[in-house]
């Protein structure tokens, strides 16, 4: 029973770690706490793009410092993203003692500093380890499933809500 409870607690910590990673990546700018972002990764972690599109675009990075340096390039001097939002679903986390493996489907909506916007989906395969008493990302692999340009995300049109008279407009 205690082992099952420990696994459930580990899953919760891993889930929160991934949520924080995505939140920080959604707001990569001068105010991003890069030391906190780096602390989500193990000292000898790997971060890599997989497949033809992401392998060529992102490459592979080994070690916390190299990963932070790669992510730091998105901060600027002009932030790469004007708007960025990651959504994770189809989660699967398997804990084995002080290691774990997680997989997710990710949807990312982005508008770049140059005004272009796109929608993309990727499969994430992430290994986790306990290092210095905390769960950290040991390996992060992202593989593009699809990408498509869009004309923009925010439309200033009024949001339709029901009125007191039951009018749907």
C-alpha atoms as a PDB file:
ATOM      1  CA  UNK A   1       0.000   0.000   0.000  1.00  0.00           C
ATOM      2  CA  UNK A   2       2.829   2.411   0.837  1.00  0.00           C
ATOM      3  CA  UNK A   3       4.570   1.659  -2.475  1.00  0.00           C
ATOM      4  CA  UNK A   4       1.358   2.390  -4.377  1.00  0.00           C
ATOM      5  CA  UNK A   5       0.940   5.646  -2.437  1.00  0.00           C
ATOM      6  CA  UNK A   6       4.557   6.630  -3.204  1.00  0.00           C
ATOM      7  CA  UNK A   7       3.954   5.965  -6.920  1.00  0.00           C
ATOM      8  CA  UNK A   8       0.811   8.133  -6.884  1.00  0.00           C
ATOM      9  CA  UNK A   9       2.662  10.938  -5.097  1.00  0.00           C
ATOM     10  CA  UNK A  10       5.498  10.676  -7.639  1.00  0.00           C
ATOM     11  CA  UNK A  11       3.013  10.877 -10.511  1.00  0.00           C
ATOM     12  CA  UNK A  12       1.569  14.045  -8.986  1.00  0.00           C
ATOM     13  CA  UNK A  13       5.017  15.613  -8.633  1.00  0.00           C
ATOM     14  CA  UNK A  14       5.890  14.673 -12.220  1.00  0.00           C
ATOM     15  CA  UNK A  15       2.604  16.086 -13.502  1.00  0.00           C
ATOM     16  CA  UNK A  16       3.254  19.384 -11.678  1.00  0.00           C
ATOM     17  CA  UNK A  17       6.854  19.450 -12.978  1.00  0.00           C
ATOM     18  CA  UNK A  18       5.623  19.121 -16.570  1.00  0.00           C
ATOM     19  CA  UNK A  19       2.930  21.764 -16.011  1.00  0.00           C
ATOM     20  CA  UNK A  20       5.540  24.181 -14.648  1.00  0.00           C
ATOM     21  CA  UNK A  21       7.910  23.445 -17.542  1.00  0.00           C
ATOM     22  CA  UNK A  22       5.164  24.228 -20.067  1.00  0.00           C
ATOM     23  CA  UNK A  23       4.120  27.358 -18.165  1.00  0.00           C
ATOM     24  CA  UNK A  24       7.694  28.679 -18.199  1.00  0.00           C
ATOM     25  CA  UNK A  25       8.065  27.841 -21.906  1.00  0.00           C
ATOM     26  CA  UNK A  26       4.829  29.736 -22.606  1.00  0.00           C
ATOM     27  CA  UNK A  27       6.397  32.929 -21.235  1.00  0.00           C
ATOM     28  CA  UNK A  28      10.027  32.917 -22.356  1.00  0.00           C
ATOM     29  CA  UNK A  29      11.099  36.541 -22.015  1.00  0.00           C
ATOM     30  CA  UNK A  30      13.420  38.695 -19.909  1.00  0.00           C
ATOM     31  CA  UNK A  31      11.376  37.933 -16.763  1.00  0.00           C
ATOM     32  CA  UNK A  32      11.578  34.133 -17.093  1.00  0.00           C
ATOM     33  CA  UNK A  33      13.366  32.625 -14.069  1.00  0.00           C
ATOM     34  CA  UNK A  34      15.950  30.629 -16.018  1.00  0.00           C
ATOM     35  CA  UNK A  35      17.452  29.182 -12.817  1.00  0.00           C
ATOM     36  CA  UNK A  36      14.043  27.701 -11.965  1.00  0.00           C
ATOM     37  CA  UNK A  37      13.634  26.413 -15.515  1.00  0.00           C
ATOM     38  CA  UNK A  38      17.077  24.820 -15.370  1.00  0.00           C
ATOM     39  CA  UNK A  39      16.339  23.202 -11.997  1.00  0.00           C
ATOM     40  CA  UNK A  40      13.543  21.189 -13.651  1.00  0.00           C
ATOM     41  CA  UNK A  41      16.271  19.233 -15.488  1.00  0.00           C
ATOM     42  CA  UNK A  42      18.808  16.764 -14.125  1.00  0.00           C
ATOM     43  CA  UNK A  43      22.418  17.919 -14.314  1.00  0.00           C
ATOM     44  CA  UNK A  44      23.179  15.524 -17.217  1.00  0.00           C
ATOM     45  CA  UNK A  45      19.731  15.664 -18.861  1.00  0.00           C
ATOM     46  CA  UNK A  46      19.171  15.462 -22.601  1.00  0.00           C
ATOM     47  CA  UNK A  47      16.659  17.484 -24.646  1.00  0.00           C
ATOM     48  CA  UNK A  48      16.159  16.513 -28.273  1.00  0.00           C
ATOM     49  CA  UNK A  49      13.988  16.902 -31.291  1.00  0.00           C
ATOM     50  CA  UNK A  50      13.120  13.645 -33.018  1.00  0.00           C
ATOM     51  CA  UNK A  51      12.177  12.937 -36.620  1.00  0.00           C
ATOM     52  CA  UNK A  52      12.819  14.859 -39.820  1.00  0.00           C
ATOM     53  CA  UNK A  53      11.206  18.149 -38.796  1.00  0.00           C
ATOM     54  CA  UNK A  54      12.095  18.483 -35.095  1.00  0.00           C
ATOM     55  CA  UNK A  55      15.420  16.654 -35.314  1.00  0.00           C
ATOM     56  CA  UNK A  56      16.623  19.166 -37.901  1.00  0.00           C
ATOM     57  CA  UNK A  57      15.025  22.214 -36.226  1.00  0.00           C
ATOM     58  CA  UNK A  58      15.910  21.598 -32.577  1.00  0.00           C
ATOM     59  CA  UNK A  59      18.815  19.164 -32.623  1.00  0.00           C
ATOM     60  CA  UNK A  60      19.984  17.611 -29.366  1.00  0.00           C
ATOM     61  CA  UNK A  61      21.324  19.224 -26.193  1.00  0.00           C
ATOM     62  CA  UNK A  62      23.113  17.445 -23.341  1.00  0.00           C
ATOM     63  CA  UNK A  63      23.410  18.792 -19.830  1.00  0.00           C
ATOM     64  CA  UNK A  64      21.392  21.312 -17.863  1.00  0.00           C
ATOM     65  CA  UNK A  65      23.553  24.255 -18.948  1.00  0.00           C
ATOM     66  CA  UNK A  66      23.190  23.402 -22.657  1.00  0.00           C
ATOM     67  CA  UNK A  67      19.415  22.995 -22.330  1.00  0.00           C
ATOM     68  CA  UNK A  68      19.051  26.320 -20.517  1.00  0.00           C
ATOM     69  CA  UNK A  69      21.248  28.012 -23.155  1.00  0.00           C
ATOM     70  CA  UNK A  70      19.037  26.615 -25.940  1.00  0.00           C
ATOM     71  CA  UNK A  71      15.840  27.798 -24.218  1.00  0.00           C
ATOM     72  CA  UNK A  72      17.437  31.148 -23.386  1.00  0.00           C
ATOM     73  CA  UNK A  73      17.719  31.940 -27.116  1.00  0.00           C
ATOM     74  CA  UNK A  74      13.894  32.162 -27.235  1.00  0.00           C
ATOM     75  CA  UNK A  75      13.928  35.055 -24.728  1.00  0.00           C
ATOM     76  CA  UNK A  76      15.324  37.663 -27.024  1.00  0.00           C
ATOM     77  CA  UNK A  77      16.531  40.507 -26.941  1.00  0.00           C
ATOM     78  CA  UNK A  78      13.063  40.468 -28.592  1.00  0.00           C
ATOM     79  CA  UNK A  79      11.124  37.427 -27.334  1.00  0.00           C
ATOM     80  CA  UNK A  80      10.637  34.811 -30.058  1.00  0.00           C
ATOM     81  CA  UNK A  81       6.962  34.335 -29.105  1.00  0.00           C
ATOM     82  CA  UNK A  82       4.362  37.094 -28.932  1.00  0.00           C
ATOM     83  CA  UNK A  83       1.957  34.414 -27.632  1.00  0.00           C
ATOM     84  CA  UNK A  84       2.608  30.775 -26.851  1.00  0.00           C
ATOM     85  CA  UNK A  85       0.381  28.155 -25.211  1.00  0.00           C
ATOM     86  CA  UNK A  86       1.080  24.453 -24.682  1.00  0.00           C
ATOM     87  CA  UNK A  87      -1.666  21.918 -23.981  1.00  0.00           C
ATOM     88  CA  UNK A  88      -0.852  18.397 -22.792  1.00  0.00           C
ATOM     89  CA  UNK A  89      -3.191  15.413 -23.045  1.00  0.00           C
ATOM     90  CA  UNK A  90      -3.224  11.609 -23.450  1.00  0.00           C
ATOM     91  CA  UNK A  91      -0.918  11.375 -20.464  1.00  0.00           C
ATOM     92  CA  UNK A  92       0.763   8.162 -19.403  1.00  0.00           C
ATOM     93  CA  UNK A  93       3.171   8.113 -16.429  1.00  0.00           C
ATOM     94  CA  UNK A  94       4.905   4.953 -15.177  1.00  0.00           C
ATOM     95  CA  UNK A  95       6.960   5.166 -11.976  1.00  0.00           C
ATOM     96  CA  UNK A  96       9.595   2.590 -11.029  1.00  0.00           C
ATOM     97  CA  UNK A  97      11.275   3.580  -7.795  1.00  0.00           C
ATOM     98  CA  UNK A  98      13.292   6.753  -8.422  1.00  0.00           C
ATOM     99  CA  UNK A  99      12.854   6.713 -12.192  1.00  0.00           C
ATOM    100  CA  UNK A 100       9.779   7.267 -14.312  1.00  0.00           C
ATOM    101  CA  UNK A 101       8.694   7.575 -17.914  1.00  0.00           C
ATOM    102  CA  UNK A 102       5.940   9.814 -19.188  1.00  0.00           C
ATOM    103  CA  UNK A 103       4.378  10.333 -22.584  1.00  0.00           C
ATOM    104  CA  UNK A 104       2.010  13.039 -23.720  1.00  0.00           C
ATOM    105  CA  UNK A 105       0.374  14.390 -26.839  1.00  0.00           C
ATOM    106  CA  UNK A 106       1.045  18.117 -27.002  1.00  0.00           C
ATOM    107  CA  UNK A 107      -0.809  20.837 -28.863  1.00  0.00           C
ATOM    108  CA  UNK A 108       0.970  24.188 -29.184  1.00  0.00           C
ATOM    109  CA  UNK A 109      -0.542  27.448 -30.381  1.00  0.00           C
ATOM    110  CA  UNK A 110       1.968  30.176 -31.150  1.00  0.00           C
ATOM    111  CA  UNK A 111       2.216  33.664 -32.553  1.00  0.00           C
ATOM    112  CA  UNK A 112       5.783  34.725 -33.259  1.00  0.00           C
ATOM    113  CA  UNK A 113       7.394  38.140 -32.910  1.00  0.00           C
ATOM    114  CA  UNK A 114       7.162  38.568 -36.701  1.00  0.00           C
ATOM    115  CA  UNK A 115       3.351  38.132 -36.581  1.00  0.00           C
ATOM    116  CA  UNK A 116       3.127  34.628 -38.072  1.00  0.00           C
ATOM    117  CA  UNK A 117       1.019  32.099 -36.155  1.00  0.00           C
ATOM    118  CA  UNK A 118       0.808  28.334 -36.226  1.00  0.00           C
ATOM    119  CA  UNK A 119      -0.733  25.278 -34.664  1.00  0.00           C
ATOM    120  CA  UNK A 120       1.400  22.228 -34.097  1.00  0.00           C
ATOM    121  CA  UNK A 121       1.178  18.896 -32.374  1.00  0.00           C
ATOM    122  CA  UNK A 122       3.967  16.727 -31.010  1.00  0.00           C
ATOM    123  CA  UNK A 123       4.466  13.487 -29.159  1.00  0.00           C
ATOM    124  CA  UNK A 124       6.541  13.920 -25.990  1.00  0.00           C
ATOM    125  CA  UNK A 125       8.544  11.090 -24.442  1.00  0.00           C
ATOM    126  CA  UNK A 126      10.087  12.161 -21.139  1.00  0.00           C
ATOM    127  CA  UNK A 127      12.278  10.290 -18.678  1.00  0.00           C
ATOM    128  CA  UNK A 128      12.424  11.418 -15.049  1.00  0.00           C
ATOM    129  CA  UNK A 129      14.838  10.732 -12.214  1.00  0.00           C
ATOM    130  CA  UNK A 130      15.110  11.730  -8.593  1.00  0.00           C
ATOM    131  CA  UNK A 131      18.181  13.926  -8.186  1.00  0.00           C
ATOM    132  CA  UNK A 132      19.056  15.736  -4.954  1.00  0.00           C
ATOM    133  CA  UNK A 133      15.705  14.626  -3.510  1.00  0.00           C
ATOM    134  CA  UNK A 134      13.551  16.113  -6.307  1.00  0.00           C
ATOM    135  CA  UNK A 135      11.989  14.728  -9.456  1.00  0.00           C
ATOM    136  CA  UNK A 136      13.711  16.172 -12.524  1.00  0.00           C
ATOM    137  CA  UNK A 137      13.584  15.677 -16.268  1.00  0.00           C
ATOM    138  CA  UNK A 138      16.355  13.273 -17.273  1.00  0.00           C
ATOM    139  CA  UNK A 139      15.492  13.058 -20.959  1.00  0.00           C
ATOM    140  CA  UNK A 140      13.057  15.063 -23.064  1.00  0.00           C
ATOM    141  CA  UNK A 141      12.200  14.048 -26.616  1.00  0.00           C
ATOM    142  CA  UNK A 142       9.703  15.832 -28.861  1.00  0.00           C
ATOM    143  CA  UNK A 143       8.523  14.618 -32.258  1.00  0.00           C
ATOM    144  CA  UNK A 144       6.333  16.697 -34.545  1.00  0.00           C
ATOM    145  CA  UNK A 145       3.071  15.100 -35.678  1.00  0.00           C
ATOM    146  CA  UNK A 146       1.727  18.048 -37.671  1.00  0.00           C
ATOM    147  CA  UNK A 147       2.185  21.782 -38.130  1.00  0.00           C
ATOM    148  CA  UNK A 148       0.002  24.275 -39.942  1.00  0.00           C
ATOM    149  CA  UNK A 149      -0.059  28.039 -40.260  1.00  0.00           C
ATOM    150  CA  UNK A 150      -3.093  29.952 -39.001  1.00  0.00           C
ATOM    151  CA  UNK A 151      -4.074  33.575 -39.535  1.00  0.00           C
ATOM    152  CA  UNK A 152      -4.155  34.438 -35.824  1.00  0.00           C
ATOM    153  CA  UNK A 153      -5.616  33.458 -32.468  1.00  0.00           C
ATOM    154  CA  UNK A 154      -7.325  36.444 -30.937  1.00  0.00           C
ATOM    155  CA  UNK A 155     -10.401  37.854 -32.615  1.00  0.00           C
ATOM    156  CA  UNK A 156     -11.786  41.026 -30.985  1.00  0.00           C
ATOM    157  CA  UNK A 157     -15.372  40.096 -31.965  1.00  0.00           C
ATOM    158  CA  UNK A 158     -17.881  40.165 -29.136  1.00  0.00           C
ATOM    159  CA  UNK A 159     -18.407  36.829 -27.406  1.00  0.00           C
ATOM    160  CA  UNK A 160     -22.007  35.634 -27.845  1.00  0.00           C
ATOM    161  CA  UNK A 161     -23.742  34.955 -24.520  1.00  0.00           C
ATOM    162  CA  UNK A 162     -27.425  34.393 -23.697  1.00  0.00           C
ATOM    163  CA  UNK A 163     -29.408  37.480 -22.658  1.00  0.00           C
ATOM    164  CA  UNK A 164     -32.145  37.699 -20.046  1.00  0.00           C
ATOM    165  CA  UNK A 165     -34.733  37.254 -22.808  1.00  0.00           C
ATOM    166  CA  UNK A 166     -33.188  33.967 -23.904  1.00  0.00           C
ATOM    167  CA  UNK A 167     -31.772  35.505 -27.088  1.00  0.00           C
ATOM    168  CA  UNK A 168     -28.699  33.438 -28.079  1.00  0.00           C
ATOM    169  CA  UNK A 169     -26.811  36.470 -29.489  1.00  0.00           C
END
